Amino acid sequence: MEKIFIKADIRAEKGKSVAKRLRKEGRIPAVLYGREVDPLAISVSTKDWEKLGKQLKRNVILNMEVHGLKKKADERPVMIKYVQKSVLKNEILHIDFLQVSMERTVEVEIPIHLIGRSKGEANDGIVEQHLRSIKVECLPTQIPEKIEIDITDLDIGDSYHVSQISIPGVKLLEHTGVAVITIIPPTVEEKPAAVEEVAAVEPEKKEKEKEKEE
């Protein structure tokens, strides 16, 4: 597994004013926490974060070098748990990092990607995807980037269930009987009943009006 490094500095001060000042100085306020780990208020360089670019994929493991502790800077395996952004400027306001153990399993959400065009779609069927992601448990080194499901052989009325997903070393935390995808029949547009009733009554009304005139 390729190592992705990021540096972090301990910050003694906290609060909105401190966070605002850090962002002006080109740093992103953050927090590092984990199982059996005391939470640390930290900050990372905005430039360093931006340089990582496409490497910052979902569930990626980073090697964080923490500076400012009494002891020498050490490397810690971390995951990105949450990135807070401003609504208007899309500016990163805060990052939550989770320290993990490479020998201990973690729970993560994995996105589901569909492959191919189903038989049902050729007959105007509709692909109804019930799950867009699925929670799994595995070692950090075994986290899949995505779960791909080939729907080519699915016809109208067919479903693909969680029980059909199998990834070595990965435990699925969703119930096995849950349907991930179902191919449903095409929708048929029905004419409004009110319109049909009016159409049927109209000739009868005209006939009565004609009898009165005679």
C-alpha atoms as a PDB file:
ATOM      1  CA  MET A   1       0.000   0.000   0.000  1.00  0.00           C
ATOM      2  CA  GLU A   2       1.387   3.382  -1.043  1.00  0.00           C
ATOM      3  CA  LYS A   3       2.187   5.691   1.866  1.00  0.00           C
ATOM      4  CA  ILE A   4       0.665   9.170   1.788  1.00  0.00           C
ATOM      5  CA  PHE A   5       2.250  11.616   4.226  1.00  0.00           C
ATOM      6  CA  ILE A   6       0.809  14.721   5.855  1.00  0.00           C
ATOM      7  CA  LYS A   7       2.330  16.940   8.567  1.00  0.00           C
ATOM      8  CA  ALA A   8       0.361  18.336  11.497  1.00  0.00           C
ATOM      9  CA  ASP A   9       1.216  20.794  14.262  1.00  0.00           C
ATOM     10  CA  ILE A  10      -0.186  20.793  17.780  1.00  0.00           C
ATOM     11  CA  ARG A  11      -2.190  23.938  18.579  1.00  0.00           C
ATOM     12  CA  ALA A  12      -2.532  24.967  22.202  1.00  0.00           C
ATOM     13  CA  GLU A  13      -5.262  27.549  21.604  1.00  0.00           C
ATOM     14  CA  LYS A  14      -8.847  26.766  20.638  1.00  0.00           C
ATOM     15  CA  GLY A  15     -11.950  28.718  19.674  1.00  0.00           C
ATOM     16  CA  LYS A  16     -13.512  30.411  16.648  1.00  0.00           C
ATOM     17  CA  SER A  17     -11.135  33.369  16.682  1.00  0.00           C
ATOM     18  CA  VAL A  18      -8.102  31.049  16.733  1.00  0.00           C
ATOM     19  CA  ALA A  19      -9.527  28.957  13.899  1.00  0.00           C
ATOM     20  CA  LYS A  20     -10.159  32.086  11.839  1.00  0.00           C
ATOM     21  CA  ARG A  21      -6.597  33.297  12.409  1.00  0.00           C
ATOM     22  CA  LEU A  22      -5.150  29.914  11.423  1.00  0.00           C
ATOM     23  CA  ARG A  23      -7.061  29.925   8.145  1.00  0.00           C
ATOM     24  CA  LYS A  24      -5.721  33.411   7.356  1.00  0.00           C
ATOM     25  CA  GLU A  25      -2.218  32.071   8.000  1.00  0.00           C
ATOM     26  CA  GLY A  26      -2.747  29.285   5.478  1.00  0.00           C
ATOM     27  CA  ARG A  27      -3.532  26.501   7.915  1.00  0.00           C
ATOM     28  CA  ILE A  28      -6.612  24.342   8.489  1.00  0.00           C
ATOM     29  CA  PRO A  29      -7.729  23.720  12.096  1.00  0.00           C
ATOM     30  CA  ALA A  30      -8.274  20.029  12.813  1.00  0.00           C
ATOM     31  CA  VAL A  31      -8.622  17.426  15.527  1.00  0.00           C
ATOM     32  CA  LEU A  32      -7.060  13.980  15.869  1.00  0.00           C
ATOM     33  CA  TYR A  33      -8.769  11.301  17.956  1.00  0.00           C
ATOM     34  CA  GLY A  34      -9.100   7.541  18.136  1.00  0.00           C
ATOM     35  CA  ARG A  35      -9.558   4.488  20.316  1.00  0.00           C
ATOM     36  CA  GLU A  36      -7.298   4.687  23.383  1.00  0.00           C
ATOM     37  CA  VAL A  37      -5.909   7.992  22.078  1.00  0.00           C
ATOM     38  CA  ASP A  38      -6.242  11.359  23.810  1.00  0.00           C
ATOM     39  CA  PRO A  39      -7.816  13.902  21.401  1.00  0.00           C
ATOM     40  CA  LEU A  40      -5.315  16.390  19.989  1.00  0.00           C
ATOM     41  CA  ALA A  41      -6.093  19.854  18.629  1.00  0.00           C
ATOM     42  CA  ILE A  42      -3.922  20.198  15.526  1.00  0.00           C
ATOM     43  CA  SER A  43      -3.609  22.133  12.280  1.00  0.00           C
ATOM     44  CA  VAL A  44      -2.393  21.184   8.800  1.00  0.00           C
ATOM     45  CA  SER A  45      -1.010  23.328   5.989  1.00  0.00           C
ATOM     46  CA  THR A  46      -3.617  24.320   3.397  1.00  0.00           C
ATOM     47  CA  LYS A  47      -0.959  23.998   0.663  1.00  0.00           C
ATOM     48  CA  ASP A  48       0.048  20.516   1.822  1.00  0.00           C
ATOM     49  CA  TRP A  49      -3.603  19.458   1.834  1.00  0.00           C
ATOM     50  CA  GLU A  50      -4.199  20.801  -1.666  1.00  0.00           C
ATOM     51  CA  LYS A  51      -1.035  19.112  -2.973  1.00  0.00           C
ATOM     52  CA  LEU A  52      -2.426  15.731  -2.012  1.00  0.00           C
ATOM     53  CA  GLY A  53      -5.227  16.329  -4.502  1.00  0.00           C
ATOM     54  CA  LYS A  54      -6.650  13.111  -5.975  1.00  0.00           C
ATOM     55  CA  GLN A  55      -4.784  10.989  -3.425  1.00  0.00           C
ATOM     56  CA  LEU A  56      -7.363  12.068  -0.851  1.00  0.00           C
ATOM     57  CA  LYS A  57      -9.857   9.389  -1.816  1.00  0.00           C
ATOM     58  CA  ARG A  58     -12.598   8.072   0.417  1.00  0.00           C
ATOM     59  CA  ASN A  59     -11.296   5.853   3.256  1.00  0.00           C
ATOM     60  CA  VAL A  60      -7.651   6.520   2.352  1.00  0.00           C
ATOM     61  CA  ILE A  61      -5.018   5.859   5.050  1.00  0.00           C
ATOM     62  CA  LEU A  62      -2.633   8.767   5.680  1.00  0.00           C
ATOM     63  CA  ASN A  63       0.624   8.713   7.615  1.00  0.00           C
ATOM     64  CA  MET A  64       0.443  11.788   9.836  1.00  0.00           C
ATOM     65  CA  GLU A  65       3.601  13.262  11.306  1.00  0.00           C
ATOM     66  CA  VAL A  66       2.621  15.169  14.450  1.00  0.00           C
ATOM     67  CA  HIS A  67       4.903  18.025  15.530  1.00  0.00           C
ATOM     68  CA  GLY A  68       4.836  19.976  18.809  1.00  0.00           C
ATOM     69  CA  LEU A  69       4.700  17.085  21.249  1.00  0.00           C
ATOM     70  CA  LYS A  70       7.310  16.771  24.005  1.00  0.00           C
ATOM     71  CA  LYS A  71       8.728  13.720  22.318  1.00  0.00           C
ATOM     72  CA  LYS A  72      10.089  13.511  18.782  1.00  0.00           C
ATOM     73  CA  ALA A  73       7.571  13.777  15.964  1.00  0.00           C
ATOM     74  CA  ASP A  74       6.051  10.386  15.259  1.00  0.00           C
ATOM     75  CA  GLU A  75       4.042   8.887  12.419  1.00  0.00           C
ATOM     76  CA  ARG A  76       0.468   7.876  13.024  1.00  0.00           C
ATOM     77  CA  PRO A  77      -1.864   6.055  10.589  1.00  0.00           C
ATOM     78  CA  VAL A  78      -5.014   8.168  10.281  1.00  0.00           C
ATOM     79  CA  MET A  79      -8.225   8.327   8.270  1.00  0.00           C
ATOM     80  CA  ILE A  80     -10.249  11.365   7.248  1.00  0.00           C
ATOM     81  CA  LYS A  81     -13.558  11.135   9.107  1.00  0.00           C
ATOM     82  CA  TYR A  82     -15.144  14.500   8.329  1.00  0.00           C
ATOM     83  CA  VAL A  83     -14.315  17.624   6.330  1.00  0.00           C
ATOM     84  CA  GLN A  84     -16.311  20.751   7.147  1.00  0.00           C
ATOM     85  CA  LYS A  85     -16.613  23.270   4.291  1.00  0.00           C
ATOM     86  CA  SER A  86     -18.145  26.712   4.009  1.00  0.00           C
ATOM     87  CA  VAL A  87     -21.343  26.826   1.959  1.00  0.00           C
ATOM     88  CA  LEU A  88     -20.520  29.875  -0.156  1.00  0.00           C
ATOM     89  CA  LYS A  89     -16.755  29.729  -0.795  1.00  0.00           C
ATOM     90  CA  ASN A  90     -16.328  25.933  -0.529  1.00  0.00           C
ATOM     91  CA  GLU A  91     -13.438  26.721   1.833  1.00  0.00           C
ATOM     92  CA  ILE A  92     -12.287  23.955   4.186  1.00  0.00           C
ATOM     93  CA  LEU A  93     -13.081  25.069   7.741  1.00  0.00           C
ATOM     94  CA  HIS A  94     -12.134  22.030   9.815  1.00  0.00           C
ATOM     95  CA  ILE A  95     -11.011  18.399   9.457  1.00  0.00           C
ATOM     96  CA  ASP A  96     -11.584  15.430  11.761  1.00  0.00           C
ATOM     97  CA  PHE A  97      -8.862  12.752  11.629  1.00  0.00           C
ATOM     98  CA  LEU A  98      -9.253   9.294  13.157  1.00  0.00           C
ATOM     99  CA  GLN A  99      -6.121   7.490  14.330  1.00  0.00           C
ATOM    100  CA  VAL A 100      -6.325   3.769  13.538  1.00  0.00           C
ATOM    101  CA  SER A 101      -4.338   0.628  14.235  1.00  0.00           C
ATOM    102  CA  MET A 102      -3.160  -1.332  11.198  1.00  0.00           C
ATOM    103  CA  GLU A 103      -3.785  -4.559  13.192  1.00  0.00           C
ATOM    104  CA  ARG A 104      -7.317  -3.655  14.294  1.00  0.00           C
ATOM    105  CA  THR A 105     -10.475  -3.636  12.160  1.00  0.00           C
ATOM    106  CA  VAL A 106     -12.386  -0.445  11.404  1.00  0.00           C
ATOM    107  CA  GLU A 107     -15.953   0.214  10.259  1.00  0.00           C
ATOM    108  CA  VAL A 108     -16.281   2.243   7.054  1.00  0.00           C
ATOM    109  CA  GLU A 109     -18.863   3.050   4.366  1.00  0.00           C
ATOM    110  CA  ILE A 110     -17.988   1.753   0.885  1.00  0.00           C
ATOM    111  CA  PRO A 111     -19.710   3.185  -2.222  1.00  0.00           C
ATOM    112  CA  ILE A 112     -21.530   0.793  -4.573  1.00  0.00           C
ATOM    113  CA  HIS A 113     -20.938   1.114  -8.342  1.00  0.00           C
ATOM    114  CA  LEU A 114     -23.092  -0.626 -10.957  1.00  0.00           C
ATOM    115  CA  ILE A 115     -21.484  -2.145 -14.064  1.00  0.00           C
ATOM    116  CA  GLY A 116     -23.137  -2.893 -17.394  1.00  0.00           C
ATOM    117  CA  ARG A 117     -26.680  -2.551 -18.772  1.00  0.00           C
ATOM    118  CA  SER A 118     -29.241  -5.021 -17.492  1.00  0.00           C
ATOM    119  CA  LYS A 119     -31.452  -7.257 -19.668  1.00  0.00           C
ATOM    120  CA  GLY A 120     -34.446  -5.618 -18.040  1.00  0.00           C
ATOM    121  CA  GLU A 121     -33.473  -2.171 -19.343  1.00  0.00           C
ATOM    122  CA  ALA A 122     -33.584  -3.531 -22.901  1.00  0.00           C
ATOM    123  CA  ASN A 123     -37.275  -4.241 -22.213  1.00  0.00           C
ATOM    124  CA  ASP A 124     -37.866  -0.748 -20.795  1.00  0.00           C
ATOM    125  CA  GLY A 125     -37.319  -1.929 -17.226  1.00  0.00           C
ATOM    126  CA  ILE A 126     -36.005   0.504 -14.621  1.00  0.00           C
ATOM    127  CA  VAL A 127     -32.989  -0.025 -12.351  1.00  0.00           C
ATOM    128  CA  GLU A 128     -34.015   0.801  -8.787  1.00  0.00           C
ATOM    129  CA  GLN A 129     -30.915   1.067  -6.564  1.00  0.00           C
ATOM    130  CA  HIS A 130     -31.822   0.710  -2.890  1.00  0.00           C
ATOM    131  CA  LEU A 131     -28.290   0.996  -1.469  1.00  0.00           C
ATOM    132  CA  ARG A 132     -25.711   3.538  -2.651  1.00  0.00           C
ATOM    133  CA  SER A 133     -23.121   2.427  -0.103  1.00  0.00           C
ATOM    134  CA  ILE A 134     -22.677  -0.308   2.455  1.00  0.00           C
ATOM    135  CA  LYS A 135     -20.978  -0.389   5.862  1.00  0.00           C
ATOM    136  CA  VAL A 136     -18.199  -2.951   6.220  1.00  0.00           C
ATOM    137  CA  GLU A 137     -15.637  -4.031   8.805  1.00  0.00           C
ATOM    138  CA  CYS A 138     -12.059  -4.876   7.859  1.00  0.00           C
ATOM    139  CA  LEU A 139      -8.413  -4.053   8.469  1.00  0.00           C
ATOM    140  CA  PRO A 140      -7.264  -0.629   7.197  1.00  0.00           C
ATOM    141  CA  THR A 141      -5.047  -2.378   4.632  1.00  0.00           C
ATOM    142  CA  GLN A 142      -8.039  -4.224   3.167  1.00  0.00           C
ATOM    143  CA  ILE A 143     -10.493  -1.349   2.712  1.00  0.00           C
ATOM    144  CA  PRO A 144     -11.905  -1.573  -0.846  1.00  0.00           C
ATOM    145  CA  GLU A 145     -12.176   1.693  -2.780  1.00  0.00           C
ATOM    146  CA  LYS A 146     -15.618   0.660  -4.081  1.00  0.00           C
ATOM    147  CA  ILE A 147     -17.893  -2.354  -4.512  1.00  0.00           C
ATOM    148  CA  GLU A 148     -18.687  -3.125  -8.151  1.00  0.00           C
ATOM    149  CA  ILE A 149     -21.845  -5.057  -9.058  1.00  0.00           C
ATOM    150  CA  ASP A 150     -22.382  -6.408 -12.586  1.00  0.00           C
ATOM    151  CA  ILE A 151     -26.100  -6.075 -13.414  1.00  0.00           C
ATOM    152  CA  THR A 152     -25.858  -7.376 -17.010  1.00  0.00           C
ATOM    153  CA  ASP A 153     -27.838 -10.601 -16.358  1.00  0.00           C
ATOM    154  CA  LEU A 154     -30.639  -8.994 -14.317  1.00  0.00           C
ATOM    155  CA  ASP A 155     -34.059  -9.035 -16.002  1.00  0.00           C
ATOM    156  CA  ILE A 156     -37.338  -7.392 -15.001  1.00  0.00           C
ATOM    157  CA  GLY A 157     -38.327  -8.630 -11.540  1.00  0.00           C
ATOM    158  CA  ASP A 158     -34.778  -9.693 -10.620  1.00  0.00           C
ATOM    159  CA  SER A 159     -32.924  -8.382  -7.565  1.00  0.00           C
ATOM    160  CA  TYR A 160     -29.336  -8.400  -6.356  1.00  0.00           C
ATOM    161  CA  HIS A 161     -28.978  -8.931  -2.609  1.00  0.00           C
ATOM    162  CA  VAL A 162     -26.269  -8.173  -0.049  1.00  0.00           C
ATOM    163  CA  SER A 163     -25.764 -11.939   0.349  1.00  0.00           C
ATOM    164  CA  GLN A 164     -24.372 -12.049  -3.215  1.00  0.00           C
ATOM    165  CA  ILE A 165     -21.514  -9.667  -2.376  1.00  0.00           C
ATOM    166  CA  SER A 166     -18.302 -11.415  -1.392  1.00  0.00           C
ATOM    167  CA  ILE A 167     -14.989  -9.654  -0.703  1.00  0.00           C
ATOM    168  CA  PRO A 168     -12.100 -11.589   0.924  1.00  0.00           C
ATOM    169  CA  GLY A 169     -11.194 -10.219   4.347  1.00  0.00           C
ATOM    170  CA  VAL A 170     -14.187  -7.850   4.418  1.00  0.00           C
ATOM    171  CA  LYS A 171     -17.217  -8.367   6.671  1.00  0.00           C
ATOM    172  CA  LEU A 172     -20.484  -6.810   5.456  1.00  0.00           C
ATOM    173  CA  LEU A 173     -22.470  -5.164   8.262  1.00  0.00           C
ATOM    174  CA  GLU A 174     -25.748  -4.912   6.328  1.00  0.00           C
ATOM    175  CA  HIS A 175     -28.393  -7.686   6.608  1.00  0.00           C
ATOM    176  CA  THR A 176     -27.811 -10.309   3.916  1.00  0.00           C
ATOM    177  CA  GLY A 177     -31.456 -10.302   2.824  1.00  0.00           C
ATOM    178  CA  VAL A 178     -31.494  -6.622   1.855  1.00  0.00           C
ATOM    179  CA  ALA A 179     -31.848  -5.979  -1.887  1.00  0.00           C
ATOM    180  CA  VAL A 180     -29.190  -3.691  -3.325  1.00  0.00           C
ATOM    181  CA  ILE A 181     -30.787  -3.394  -6.780  1.00  0.00           C
ATOM    182  CA  THR A 182     -34.154  -4.394  -8.265  1.00  0.00           C
ATOM    183  CA  ILE A 183     -35.193  -4.206 -11.924  1.00  0.00           C
ATOM    184  CA  ILE A 184     -38.789  -2.998 -11.888  1.00  0.00           C
ATOM    185  CA  PRO A 185     -41.315  -3.040 -14.781  1.00  0.00           C
ATOM    186  CA  PRO A 186     -41.783   0.101 -16.873  1.00  0.00           C
ATOM    187  CA  THR A 187     -44.411   2.520 -15.588  1.00  0.00           C
ATOM    188  CA  VAL A 188     -47.643   2.687 -17.622  1.00  0.00           C
ATOM    189  CA  GLU A 189     -49.390   6.028 -17.824  1.00  0.00           C
ATOM    190  CA  GLU A 190     -53.128   5.714 -17.218  1.00  0.00           C
ATOM    191  CA  LYS A 191     -55.648   8.241 -18.465  1.00  0.00           C
ATOM    192  CA  PRO A 192     -57.331  10.167 -15.664  1.00  0.00           C
ATOM    193  CA  ALA A 193     -60.691   8.561 -14.772  1.00  0.00           C
ATOM    194  CA  ALA A 194     -62.386  11.962 -14.606  1.00  0.00           C
ATOM    195  CA  VAL A 195     -61.577  12.670 -18.249  1.00  0.00           C
ATOM    196  CA  GLU A 196     -63.070   9.344 -19.354  1.00  0.00           C
ATOM    197  CA  GLU A 197     -66.292   9.991 -17.391  1.00  0.00           C
ATOM    198  CA  VAL A 198     -66.716  13.430 -18.970  1.00  0.00           C
ATOM    199  CA  ALA A 199     -66.187  11.959 -22.424  1.00  0.00           C
ATOM    200  CA  ALA A 200     -68.910   9.347 -21.788  1.00  0.00           C
ATOM    201  CA  VAL A 201     -71.454  11.769 -20.288  1.00  0.00           C
ATOM    202  CA  GLU A 202     -71.053  14.477 -22.927  1.00  0.00           C
ATOM    203  CA  PRO A 203     -72.951  12.641 -25.782  1.00  0.00           C
ATOM    204  CA  GLU A 204     -75.787  11.730 -23.382  1.00  0.00           C
ATOM    205  CA  LYS A 205     -76.148  15.362 -22.319  1.00  0.00           C
ATOM    206  CA  LYS A 206     -76.329  16.557 -25.909  1.00  0.00           C
ATOM    207  CA  GLU A 207     -79.013  13.928 -26.721  1.00  0.00           C
ATOM    208  CA  LYS A 208     -81.257  15.170 -23.869  1.00  0.00           C
ATOM    209  CA  GLU A 209     -80.855  18.794 -24.969  1.00  0.00           C
ATOM    210  CA  LYS A 210     -81.900  17.783 -28.484  1.00  0.00           C
ATOM    211  CA  GLU A 211     -85.078  16.058 -27.192  1.00  0.00           C
ATOM    212  CA  LYS A 212     -86.098  19.221 -25.291  1.00  0.00           C
ATOM    213  CA  GLU A 213     -85.726  21.350 -28.381  1.00  0.00           C
ATOM    214  CA  GLU A 214     -87.992  19.007 -30.381  1.00  0.00           C
END
